[in-house]
Amino acid sequence: MRDQNGILTLDVFQKDNKIVVKSAIAGVGGKDLDISITNDSVTITGTRKEEDQEKNKNYFYQELYWGQFSRKVILPEEVNADAAKATLKNGILTIVLPKLK
């Protein structure tokens, strides 16, 4: 039995004067994704919807997570939340957060 919400995996790293958060969220469109950014954290929530909802599937393996997911990350440094930029391309979410000086 699965948890109510799936856990989103991600990478967090710094580049120049920015903190970058990346996550593979294949199968999720922009309308099914919510990103909340404060000066010290990023929260990503969304829903991955299964397009083919056949009943009585006879699985050999079932590893894909369908449904709601969420992840909150406390950032290692404060960022300028108002200047953050998020892009979704080829199933990869990238959030660029300029550091506060």
PDB file of N, CA and C in Angstrom:
ATOM      1  N   MET A   1       0.844  -1.186   0.000  1.00  0.00           N
ATOM      2  CA  MET A   1       0.000   0.000   0.000  1.00  0.00           C
ATOM      3  C   MET A   1       0.885   1.243   0.000  1.00  0.00           C
ATOM      4  N   ARG A   2       0.543   2.224  -0.806  1.00  0.00           N
ATOM      5  CA  ARG A   2       1.340   3.431  -0.947  1.00  0.00           C
ATOM      6  C   ARG A   2       0.891   4.497   0.036  1.00  0.00           C
ATOM      7  N   ASP A   3       1.839   5.430   0.339  1.00  0.00           N
ATOM      8  CA  ASP A   3       1.485   6.593   1.140  1.00  0.00           C
ATOM      9  C   ASP A   3       0.461   7.422   0.386  1.00  0.00           C
ATOM     10  N   GLN A   4      -0.201   8.316   1.101  1.00  0.00           N
ATOM     11  CA  GLN A   4      -1.214   9.153   0.475  1.00  0.00           C
ATOM     12  C   GLN A   4      -0.598  10.061  -0.592  1.00  0.00           C
ATOM     13  N   ASN A   5       0.584  10.614  -0.329  1.00  0.00           N
ATOM     14  CA  ASN A   5       1.278  11.459  -1.294  1.00  0.00           C
ATOM     15  C   ASN A   5       2.601  10.814  -1.656  1.00  0.00           C
ATOM     16  N   GLY A   6       2.936  10.861  -2.940  1.00  0.00           N
ATOM     17  CA  GLY A   6       4.227  10.377  -3.382  1.00  0.00           C
ATOM     18  C   GLY A   6       5.305  11.392  -3.041  1.00  0.00           C
ATOM     19  N   ILE A   7       6.536  10.922  -2.941  1.00  0.00           N
ATOM     20  CA  ILE A   7       7.662  11.798  -2.640  1.00  0.00           C
ATOM     21  C   ILE A   7       8.354  12.155  -3.942  1.00  0.00           C
ATOM     22  N   LEU A   8       8.622  13.403  -4.126  1.00  0.00           N
ATOM     23  CA  LEU A   8       9.263  13.912  -5.323  1.00  0.00           C
ATOM     24  C   LEU A   8      10.776  13.926  -5.100  1.00  0.00           C
ATOM     25  N   THR A   9      11.543  13.314  -6.007  1.00  0.00           N
ATOM     26  CA  THR A   9      13.000  13.346  -5.905  1.00  0.00           C
ATOM     27  C   THR A   9      13.519  14.583  -6.617  1.00  0.00           C
ATOM     28  N   LEU A  10      14.627  15.120  -6.109  1.00  0.00           N
ATOM     29  CA  LEU A  10      15.160  16.326  -6.715  1.00  0.00           C
ATOM     30  C   LEU A  10      16.636  16.503  -6.427  1.00  0.00           C
ATOM     31  N   ASP A  11      17.255  17.425  -7.178  1.00  0.00           N
ATOM     32  CA  ASP A  11      18.630  17.859  -6.959  1.00  0.00           C
ATOM     33  C   ASP A  11      18.587  19.331  -6.581  1.00  0.00           C
ATOM     34  N   VAL A  12      19.451  19.724  -5.639  1.00  0.00           N
ATOM     35  CA  VAL A  12      19.598  21.131  -5.260  1.00  0.00           C
ATOM     36  C   VAL A  12      21.088  21.439  -5.305  1.00  0.00           C
ATOM     37  N   PHE A  13      21.469  22.461  -6.079  1.00  0.00           N
ATOM     38  CA  PHE A  13      22.883  22.821  -6.172  1.00  0.00           C
ATOM     39  C   PHE A  13      23.009  24.322  -6.382  1.00  0.00           C
ATOM     40  N   GLN A  14      24.244  24.825  -6.228  1.00  0.00           N
ATOM     41  CA  GLN A  14      24.472  26.246  -6.469  1.00  0.00           C
ATOM     42  C   GLN A  14      25.293  26.432  -7.728  1.00  0.00           C
ATOM     43  N   LYS A  15      25.019  27.535  -8.399  1.00  0.00           N
ATOM     44  CA  LYS A  15      25.718  27.891  -9.619  1.00  0.00           C
ATOM     45  C   LYS A  15      25.813  29.406  -9.630  1.00  0.00           C
ATOM     46  N   ASP A  16      27.028  29.918  -9.685  1.00  0.00           N
ATOM     47  CA  ASP A  16      27.254  31.362  -9.603  1.00  0.00           C
ATOM     48  C   ASP A  16      26.588  31.886  -8.329  1.00  0.00           C
ATOM     49  N   ASN A  17      25.716  32.860  -8.445  1.00  0.00           N
ATOM     50  CA  ASN A  17      25.028  33.429  -7.280  1.00  0.00           C
ATOM     51  C   ASN A  17      23.587  32.959  -7.199  1.00  0.00           C
ATOM     52  N   LYS A  18      23.355  31.721  -7.619  1.00  0.00           N
ATOM     53  CA  LYS A  18      21.999  31.180  -7.644  1.00  0.00           C
ATOM     54  C   LYS A  18      21.963  29.792  -7.019  1.00  0.00           C
ATOM     55  N   ILE A  19      20.802  29.438  -6.512  1.00  0.00           N
ATOM     56  CA  ILE A  19      20.526  28.065  -6.093  1.00  0.00           C
ATOM     57  C   ILE A  19      19.568  27.499  -7.126  1.00  0.00           C
ATOM     58  N   VAL A  20      19.838  26.283  -7.587  1.00  0.00           N
ATOM     59  CA  VAL A  20      19.028  25.648  -8.613  1.00  0.00           C
ATOM     60  C   VAL A  20      18.395  24.384  -8.036  1.00  0.00           C
ATOM     61  N   VAL A  21      17.102  24.213  -8.272  1.00  0.00           N
ATOM     62  CA  VAL A  21      16.367  23.009  -7.873  1.00  0.00           C
ATOM     63  C   VAL A  21      15.878  22.348  -9.159  1.00  0.00           C
ATOM     64  N   LYS A  22      16.198  21.053  -9.323  1.00  0.00           N
ATOM     65  CA  LYS A  22      15.746  20.310 -10.506  1.00  0.00           C
ATOM     66  C   LYS A  22      15.021  19.053 -10.055  1.00  0.00           C
ATOM     67  N   SER A  23      13.970  18.713 -10.798  1.00  0.00           N
ATOM     68  CA  SER A  23      13.222  17.504 -10.493  1.00  0.00           C
ATOM     69  C   SER A  23      12.623  16.922 -11.767  1.00  0.00           C
ATOM     70  N   ALA A  24      12.667  15.613 -11.879  1.00  0.00           N
ATOM     71  CA  ALA A  24      12.032  14.926 -13.001  1.00  0.00           C
ATOM     72  C   ALA A  24      10.569  14.698 -12.650  1.00  0.00           C
ATOM     73  N   ILE A  25       9.698  15.346 -13.389  1.00  0.00           N
ATOM     74  CA  ILE A  25       8.263  15.214 -13.112  1.00  0.00           C
ATOM     75  C   ILE A  25       7.515  14.859 -14.387  1.00  0.00           C
ATOM     76  N   ALA A  26       8.032  13.892 -15.104  1.00  0.00           N
ATOM     77  CA  ALA A  26       7.415  13.460 -16.360  1.00  0.00           C
ATOM     78  C   ALA A  26       5.955  13.100 -16.129  1.00  0.00           C
ATOM     79  N   GLY A  27       5.134  13.462 -17.090  1.00  0.00           N
ATOM     80  CA  GLY A  27       3.717  13.142 -17.007  1.00  0.00           C
ATOM     81  C   GLY A  27       2.896  14.173 -16.264  1.00  0.00           C
ATOM     82  N   VAL A  28       3.518  15.296 -15.871  1.00  0.00           N
ATOM     83  CA  VAL A  28       2.804  16.339 -15.140  1.00  0.00           C
ATOM     84  C   VAL A  28       2.822  17.611 -15.968  1.00  0.00           C
ATOM     85  N   GLY A  29       1.659  18.155 -16.244  1.00  0.00           N
ATOM     86  CA  GLY A  29       1.554  19.407 -16.978  1.00  0.00           C
ATOM     87  C   GLY A  29       1.584  20.590 -16.024  1.00  0.00           C
ATOM     88  N   GLY A  30       1.834  21.760 -16.574  1.00  0.00           N
ATOM     89  CA  GLY A  30       1.917  22.970 -15.768  1.00  0.00           C
ATOM     90  C   GLY A  30       0.677  23.241 -14.938  1.00  0.00           C
ATOM     91  N   LYS A  31      -0.501  22.886 -15.458  1.00  0.00           N
ATOM     92  CA  LYS A  31      -1.741  23.143 -14.709  1.00  0.00           C
ATOM     93  C   LYS A  31      -1.911  22.199 -13.528  1.00  0.00           C
ATOM     94  N   ASP A  32      -1.142  21.108 -13.496  1.00  0.00           N
ATOM     95  CA  ASP A  32      -1.211  20.140 -12.396  1.00  0.00           C
ATOM     96  C   ASP A  32      -0.057  20.302 -11.422  1.00  0.00           C
ATOM     97  N   LEU A  33       0.606  21.470 -11.453  1.00  0.00           N
ATOM     98  CA  LEU A  33       1.806  21.705 -10.660  1.00  0.00           C
ATOM     99  C   LEU A  33       1.677  23.024  -9.916  1.00  0.00           C
ATOM    100  N   ASP A  34       2.087  23.042  -8.638  1.00  0.00           N
ATOM    101  CA  ASP A  34       2.076  24.267  -7.847  1.00  0.00           C
ATOM    102  C   ASP A  34       3.438  24.418  -7.176  1.00  0.00           C
ATOM    103  N   ILE A  35       4.041  25.589  -7.314  1.00  0.00           N
ATOM    104  CA  ILE A  35       5.345  25.858  -6.718  1.00  0.00           C
ATOM    105  C   ILE A  35       5.196  27.056  -5.793  1.00  0.00           C
ATOM    106  N   SER A  36       5.594  26.876  -4.542  1.00  0.00           N
ATOM    107  CA  SER A  36       5.546  27.954  -3.560  1.00  0.00           C
ATOM    108  C   SER A  36       6.978  28.222  -3.098  1.00  0.00           C
ATOM    109  N   ILE A  37       7.404  29.484  -3.195  1.00  0.00           N
ATOM    110  CA  ILE A  37       8.778  29.843  -2.862  1.00  0.00           C
ATOM    111  C   ILE A  37       8.777  30.942  -1.813  1.00  0.00           C
ATOM    112  N   THR A  38       9.562  30.723  -0.748  1.00  0.00           N
ATOM    113  CA  THR A  38       9.816  31.766   0.241  1.00  0.00           C
ATOM    114  C   THR A  38      11.323  32.035   0.218  1.00  0.00           C
ATOM    115  N   ASN A  39      11.789  32.942   1.059  1.00  0.00           N
ATOM    116  CA  ASN A  39      13.218  33.253   1.071  1.00  0.00           C
ATOM    117  C   ASN A  39      14.079  32.101   1.551  1.00  0.00           C
ATOM    118  N   ASP A  40      13.483  31.107   2.224  1.00  0.00           N
ATOM    119  CA  ASP A  40      14.310  30.003   2.731  1.00  0.00           C
ATOM    120  C   ASP A  40      13.797  28.610   2.378  1.00  0.00           C
ATOM    121  N   SER A  41      12.759  28.510   1.534  1.00  0.00           N
ATOM    122  CA  SER A  41      12.255  27.177   1.185  1.00  0.00           C
ATOM    123  C   SER A  41      11.532  27.178  -0.161  1.00  0.00           C
ATOM    124  N   VAL A  42      11.419  25.970  -0.709  1.00  0.00           N
ATOM    125  CA  VAL A  42      10.660  25.736  -1.934  1.00  0.00           C
ATOM    126  C   VAL A  42       9.730  24.556  -1.667  1.00  0.00           C
ATOM    127  N   THR A  43       8.463  24.701  -2.015  1.00  0.00           N
ATOM    128  CA  THR A  43       7.503  23.610  -1.895  1.00  0.00           C
ATOM    129  C   THR A  43       6.909  23.342  -3.273  1.00  0.00           C
ATOM    130  N   ILE A  44       7.003  22.076  -3.701  1.00  0.00           N
ATOM    131  CA  ILE A  44       6.465  21.665  -4.994  1.00  0.00           C
ATOM    132  C   ILE A  44       5.382  20.632  -4.736  1.00  0.00           C
ATOM    133  N   THR A  45       4.180  20.884  -5.252  1.00  0.00           N
ATOM    134  CA  THR A  45       3.085  19.919  -5.132  1.00  0.00           C
ATOM    135  C   THR A  45       2.451  19.746  -6.510  1.00  0.00           C
ATOM    136  N   GLY A  46       1.869  18.609  -6.730  1.00  0.00           N
ATOM    137  CA  GLY A  46       1.227  18.366  -8.005  1.00  0.00           C
ATOM    138  C   GLY A  46       0.523  17.039  -8.046  1.00  0.00           C
ATOM    139  N   THR A  47       0.024  16.717  -9.238  1.00  0.00           N
ATOM    140  CA  THR A  47      -0.683  15.459  -9.455  1.00  0.00           C
ATOM    141  C   THR A  47      -0.244  14.865 -10.778  1.00  0.00           C
ATOM    142  N   ARG A  48       0.147  13.616 -10.731  1.00  0.00           N
ATOM    143  CA  ARG A  48       0.482  12.870 -11.947  1.00  0.00           C
ATOM    144  C   ARG A  48      -0.714  11.987 -12.259  1.00  0.00           C
ATOM    145  N   LYS A  49      -1.363  12.263 -13.410  1.00  0.00           N
ATOM    146  CA  LYS A  49      -2.581  11.547 -13.770  1.00  0.00           C
ATOM    147  C   LYS A  49      -2.280  10.434 -14.757  1.00  0.00           C
ATOM    148  N   GLU A  50      -2.822   9.282 -14.489  1.00  0.00           N
ATOM    149  CA  GLU A  50      -2.668   8.141 -15.388  1.00  0.00           C
ATOM    150  C   GLU A  50      -3.677   8.285 -16.525  1.00  0.00           C
ATOM    151  N   GLU A  51      -3.187   8.345 -17.754  1.00  0.00           N
ATOM    152  CA  GLU A  51      -4.082   8.535 -18.899  1.00  0.00           C
ATOM    153  C   GLU A  51      -4.910   7.293 -19.186  1.00  0.00           C
ATOM    154  N   ASP A  52      -4.311   6.140 -19.092  1.00  0.00           N
ATOM    155  CA  ASP A  52      -4.986   4.878 -19.396  1.00  0.00           C
ATOM    156  C   ASP A  52      -5.426   4.239 -18.085  1.00  0.00           C
ATOM    157  N   GLN A  53      -6.693   4.378 -17.753  1.00  0.00           N
ATOM    158  CA  GLN A  53      -7.189   3.889 -16.467  1.00  0.00           C
ATOM    159  C   GLN A  53      -8.011   2.613 -16.636  1.00  0.00           C
ATOM    160  N   GLU A  54      -7.398   1.601 -17.197  1.00  0.00           N
ATOM    161  CA  GLU A  54      -8.089   0.320 -17.345  1.00  0.00           C
ATOM    162  C   GLU A  54      -8.289  -0.314 -15.973  1.00  0.00           C
ATOM    163  N   LYS A  55      -9.421  -0.967 -15.827  1.00  0.00           N
ATOM    164  CA  LYS A  55      -9.678  -1.672 -14.576  1.00  0.00           C
ATOM    165  C   LYS A  55      -9.139  -3.092 -14.695  1.00  0.00           C
ATOM    166  N   ASN A  56      -8.885  -3.704 -13.562  1.00  0.00           N
ATOM    167  CA  ASN A  56      -8.431  -5.095 -13.490  1.00  0.00           C
ATOM    168  C   ASN A  56      -7.124  -5.336 -14.251  1.00  0.00           C
ATOM    169  N   LYS A  57      -6.180  -4.430 -14.105  1.00  0.00           N
ATOM    170  CA  LYS A  57      -4.879  -4.623 -14.736  1.00  0.00           C
ATOM    171  C   LYS A  57      -4.154  -5.759 -14.026  1.00  0.00           C
ATOM    172  N   ASN A  58      -3.468  -6.550 -14.779  1.00  0.00           N
ATOM    173  CA  ASN A  58      -2.716  -7.676 -14.232  1.00  0.00           C
ATOM    174  C   ASN A  58      -1.232  -7.340 -14.325  1.00  0.00           C
ATOM    175  N   TYR A  59      -0.727  -6.588 -13.329  1.00  0.00           N
ATOM    176  CA  TYR A  59       0.639  -6.077 -13.357  1.00  0.00           C
ATOM    177  C   TYR A  59       1.675  -7.176 -13.126  1.00  0.00           C
ATOM    178  N   PHE A  60       2.784  -7.068 -13.837  1.00  0.00           N
ATOM    179  CA  PHE A  60       3.980  -7.839 -13.521  1.00  0.00           C
ATOM    180  C   PHE A  60       4.885  -6.997 -12.623  1.00  0.00           C
ATOM    181  N   TYR A  61       4.952  -5.698 -12.904  1.00  0.00           N
ATOM    182  CA  TYR A  61       5.671  -4.713 -12.087  1.00  0.00           C
ATOM    183  C   TYR A  61       4.786  -3.482 -11.997  1.00  0.00           C
ATOM    184  N   GLN A  62       4.788  -2.835 -10.841  1.00  0.00           N
ATOM    185  CA  GLN A  62       4.058  -1.575 -10.700  1.00  0.00           C
ATOM    186  C   GLN A  62       4.918  -0.638  -9.859  1.00  0.00           C
ATOM    187  N   GLU A  63       5.723   0.176 -10.546  1.00  0.00           N
ATOM    188  CA  GLU A  63       6.661   1.062  -9.877  1.00  0.00           C
ATOM    189  C   GLU A  63       6.368   2.536 -10.103  1.00  0.00           C
ATOM    190  N   LEU A  64       5.574   2.869 -11.101  1.00  0.00           N
ATOM    191  CA  LEU A  64       5.249   4.266 -11.366  1.00  0.00           C
ATOM    192  C   LEU A  64       4.257   4.768 -10.332  1.00  0.00           C
ATOM    193  N   TYR A  65       4.458   6.012  -9.893  1.00  0.00           N
ATOM    194  CA  TYR A  65       3.540   6.597  -8.927  1.00  0.00           C
ATOM    195  C   TYR A  65       2.550   7.501  -9.652  1.00  0.00           C
ATOM    196  N   TRP A  66       1.285   7.252  -9.454  1.00  0.00           N
ATOM    197  CA  TRP A  66       0.203   8.074 -10.007  1.00  0.00           C
ATOM    198  C   TRP A  66      -0.537   8.696  -8.843  1.00  0.00           C
ATOM    199  N   GLY A  67      -0.829   9.951  -8.950  1.00  0.00           N
ATOM    200  CA  GLY A  67      -1.566  10.636  -7.893  1.00  0.00           C
ATOM    201  C   GLY A  67      -0.820  11.867  -7.418  1.00  0.00           C
ATOM    202  N   GLN A  68      -1.149  12.308  -6.216  1.00  0.00           N
ATOM    203  CA  GLN A  68      -0.567  13.532  -5.670  1.00  0.00           C
ATOM    204  C   GLN A  68       0.839  13.288  -5.154  1.00  0.00           C
ATOM    205  N   PHE A  69       1.683  14.305  -5.315  1.00  0.00           N
ATOM    206  CA  PHE A  69       3.037  14.258  -4.769  1.00  0.00           C
ATOM    207  C   PHE A  69       3.363  15.620  -4.185  1.00  0.00           C
ATOM    208  N   SER A  70       4.334  15.651  -3.299  1.00  0.00           N
ATOM    209  CA  SER A  70       4.761  16.927  -2.727  1.00  0.00           C
ATOM    210  C   SER A  70       6.168  16.796  -2.168  1.00  0.00           C
ATOM    211  N   ARG A  71       6.824  17.934  -2.094  1.00  0.00           N
ATOM    212  CA  ARG A  71       8.167  17.977  -1.523  1.00  0.00           C
ATOM    213  C   ARG A  71       8.454  19.402  -1.075  1.00  0.00           C
ATOM    214  N   LYS A  72       8.925  19.545   0.152  1.00  0.00           N
ATOM    215  CA  LYS A  72       9.365  20.847   0.664  1.00  0.00           C
ATOM    216  C   LYS A  72      10.846  20.746   0.944  1.00  0.00           C
ATOM    217  N   VAL A  73      11.598  21.750   0.493  1.00  0.00           N
ATOM    218  CA  VAL A  73      13.041  21.776   0.679  1.00  0.00           C
ATOM    219  C   VAL A  73      13.410  23.063   1.407  1.00  0.00           C
ATOM    220  N   ILE A  74      14.152  22.904   2.507  1.00  0.00           N
ATOM    221  CA  ILE A  74      14.719  24.067   3.185  1.00  0.00           C
ATOM    222  C   ILE A  74      16.018  24.390   2.465  1.00  0.00           C
ATOM    223  N   LEU A  75      16.155  25.613   1.986  1.00  0.00           N
ATOM    224  CA  LEU A  75      17.318  26.006   1.207  1.00  0.00           C
ATOM    225  C   LEU A  75      18.518  26.307   2.103  1.00  0.00           C
ATOM    226  N   PRO A  76      19.732  26.061   1.609  1.00  0.00           N
ATOM    227  CA  PRO A  76      20.934  26.277   2.422  1.00  0.00           C
ATOM    228  C   PRO A  76      21.268  27.751   2.622  1.00  0.00           C
ATOM    229  N   GLU A  77      20.718  28.639   1.784  1.00  0.00           N
ATOM    230  CA  GLU A  77      20.932  30.081   1.900  1.00  0.00           C
ATOM    231  C   GLU A  77      19.631  30.777   1.544  1.00  0.00           C
ATOM    232  N   GLU A  78      19.489  32.025   2.002  1.00  0.00           N
ATOM    233  CA  GLU A  78      18.298  32.785   1.657  1.00  0.00           C
ATOM    234  C   GLU A  78      18.351  33.210   0.201  1.00  0.00           C
ATOM    235  N   VAL A  79      17.172  33.230  -0.424  1.00  0.00           N
ATOM    236  CA  VAL A  79      17.064  33.604  -1.835  1.00  0.00           C
ATOM    237  C   VAL A  79      16.053  34.733  -1.995  1.00  0.00           C
ATOM    238  N   ASN A  80      16.080  35.344  -3.159  1.00  0.00           N
ATOM    239  CA  ASN A  80      15.112  36.373  -3.512  1.00  0.00           C
ATOM    240  C   ASN A  80      13.927  35.675  -4.180  1.00  0.00           C
ATOM    241  N   ALA A  81      12.908  35.356  -3.417  1.00  0.00           N
ATOM    242  CA  ALA A  81      11.752  34.602  -3.918  1.00  0.00           C
ATOM    243  C   ALA A  81      11.047  35.329  -5.051  1.00  0.00           C
ATOM    244  N   ASP A  82      11.025  36.662  -5.010  1.00  0.00           N
ATOM    245  CA  ASP A  82      10.334  37.437  -6.046  1.00  0.00           C
ATOM    246  C   ASP A  82      11.029  37.353  -7.407  1.00  0.00           C
ATOM    247  N   ALA A  83      12.325  37.040  -7.426  1.00  0.00           N
ATOM    248  CA  ALA A  83      13.080  36.975  -8.677  1.00  0.00           C
ATOM    249  C   ALA A  83      13.275  35.539  -9.172  1.00  0.00           C
ATOM    250  N   ALA A  84      12.626  34.574  -8.527  1.00  0.00           N
ATOM    251  CA  ALA A  84      12.771  33.163  -8.915  1.00  0.00           C
ATOM    252  C   ALA A  84      12.121  32.912 -10.267  1.00  0.00           C
ATOM    253  N   LYS A  85      12.692  31.964 -11.007  1.00  0.00           N
ATOM    254  CA  LYS A  85      12.140  31.576 -12.310  1.00  0.00           C
ATOM    255  C   LYS A  85      12.029  30.057 -12.364  1.00  0.00           C
ATOM    256  N   ALA A  86      10.903  29.568 -12.863  1.00  0.00           N
ATOM    257  CA  ALA A  86      10.684  28.128 -13.001  1.00  0.00           C
ATOM    258  C   ALA A  86      10.370  27.804 -14.449  1.00  0.00           C
ATOM    259  N   THR A  87      10.967  26.706 -14.946  1.00  0.00           N
ATOM    260  CA  THR A  87      10.671  26.236 -16.300  1.00  0.00           C
ATOM    261  C   THR A  87      10.401  24.741 -16.245  1.00  0.00           C
ATOM    262  N   LEU A  88       9.559  24.289 -17.158  1.00  0.00           N
ATOM    263  CA  LEU A  88       9.236  22.871 -17.292  1.00  0.00           C
ATOM    264  C   LEU A  88       9.487  22.495 -18.735  1.00  0.00           C
ATOM    265  N   LYS A  89      10.507  21.646 -18.957  1.00  0.00           N
ATOM    266  CA  LYS A  89      10.870  21.261 -20.317  1.00  0.00           C
ATOM    267  C   LYS A  89      11.238  19.787 -20.350  1.00  0.00           C
ATOM    268  N   ASN A  90      10.604  19.049 -21.255  1.00  0.00           N
ATOM    269  CA  ASN A  90      10.867  17.621 -21.428  1.00  0.00           C
ATOM    270  C   ASN A  90      10.757  16.841 -20.117  1.00  0.00           C
ATOM    271  N   GLY A  91       9.790  17.203 -19.282  1.00  0.00           N
ATOM    272  CA  GLY A  91       9.559  16.485 -18.031  1.00  0.00           C
ATOM    273  C   GLY A  91      10.502  16.852 -16.904  1.00  0.00           C
ATOM    274  N   ILE A  92      11.346  17.879 -17.100  1.00  0.00           N
ATOM    275  CA  ILE A  92      12.272  18.321 -16.056  1.00  0.00           C
ATOM    276  C   ILE A  92      11.859  19.719 -15.591  1.00  0.00           C
ATOM    277  N   LEU A  93      11.589  19.835 -14.301  1.00  0.00           N
ATOM    278  CA  LEU A  93      11.292  21.120 -13.693  1.00  0.00           C
ATOM    279  C   LEU A  93      12.600  21.721 -13.199  1.00  0.00           C
ATOM    280  N   THR A  94      12.874  22.967 -13.589  1.00  0.00           N
ATOM    281  CA  THR A  94      14.069  23.673 -13.129  1.00  0.00           C
ATOM    282  C   THR A  94      13.632  24.977 -12.497  1.00  0.00           C
ATOM    283  N   ILE A  95      14.045  25.191 -11.253  1.00  0.00           N
ATOM    284  CA  ILE A  95      13.741  26.425 -10.530  1.00  0.00           C
ATOM    285  C   ILE A  95      15.070  27.110 -10.235  1.00  0.00           C
ATOM    286  N   VAL A  96      15.221  28.347 -10.689  1.00  0.00           N
ATOM    287  CA  VAL A  96      16.445  29.118 -10.467  1.00  0.00           C
ATOM    288  C   VAL A  96      16.118  30.215  -9.466  1.00  0.00           C
ATOM    289  N   LEU A  97      16.883  30.239  -8.360  1.00  0.00           N
ATOM    290  CA  LEU A  97      16.620  31.143  -7.254  1.00  0.00           C
ATOM    291  C   LEU A  97      17.848  32.012  -6.993  1.00  0.00           C
ATOM    292  N   PRO A  98      17.796  33.320  -7.292  1.00  0.00           N
ATOM    293  CA  PRO A  98      18.942  34.185  -7.003  1.00  0.00           C
ATOM    294  C   PRO A  98      19.173  34.292  -5.498  1.00  0.00           C
ATOM    295  N   LYS A  99      20.429  34.163  -5.072  1.00  0.00           N
ATOM    296  CA  LYS A  99      20.760  34.276  -3.653  1.00  0.00           C
ATOM    297  C   LYS A  99      20.653  35.717  -3.207  1.00  0.00           C
ATOM    298  N   LEU A 100      20.240  35.915  -1.943  1.00  0.00           N
ATOM    299  CA  LEU A 100      20.296  37.244  -1.341  1.00  0.00           C
ATOM    300  C   LEU A 100      21.730  37.471  -0.888  1.00  0.00           C
ATOM    301  N   LYS A 101      22.202  38.692  -1.006  1.00  0.00           N
ATOM    302  CA  LYS A 101      23.593  38.966  -0.621  1.00  0.00           C
ATOM    303  C   LYS A 101      23.644  39.581   0.744  1.00  0.00           C
TER     304      LYS A 101
END
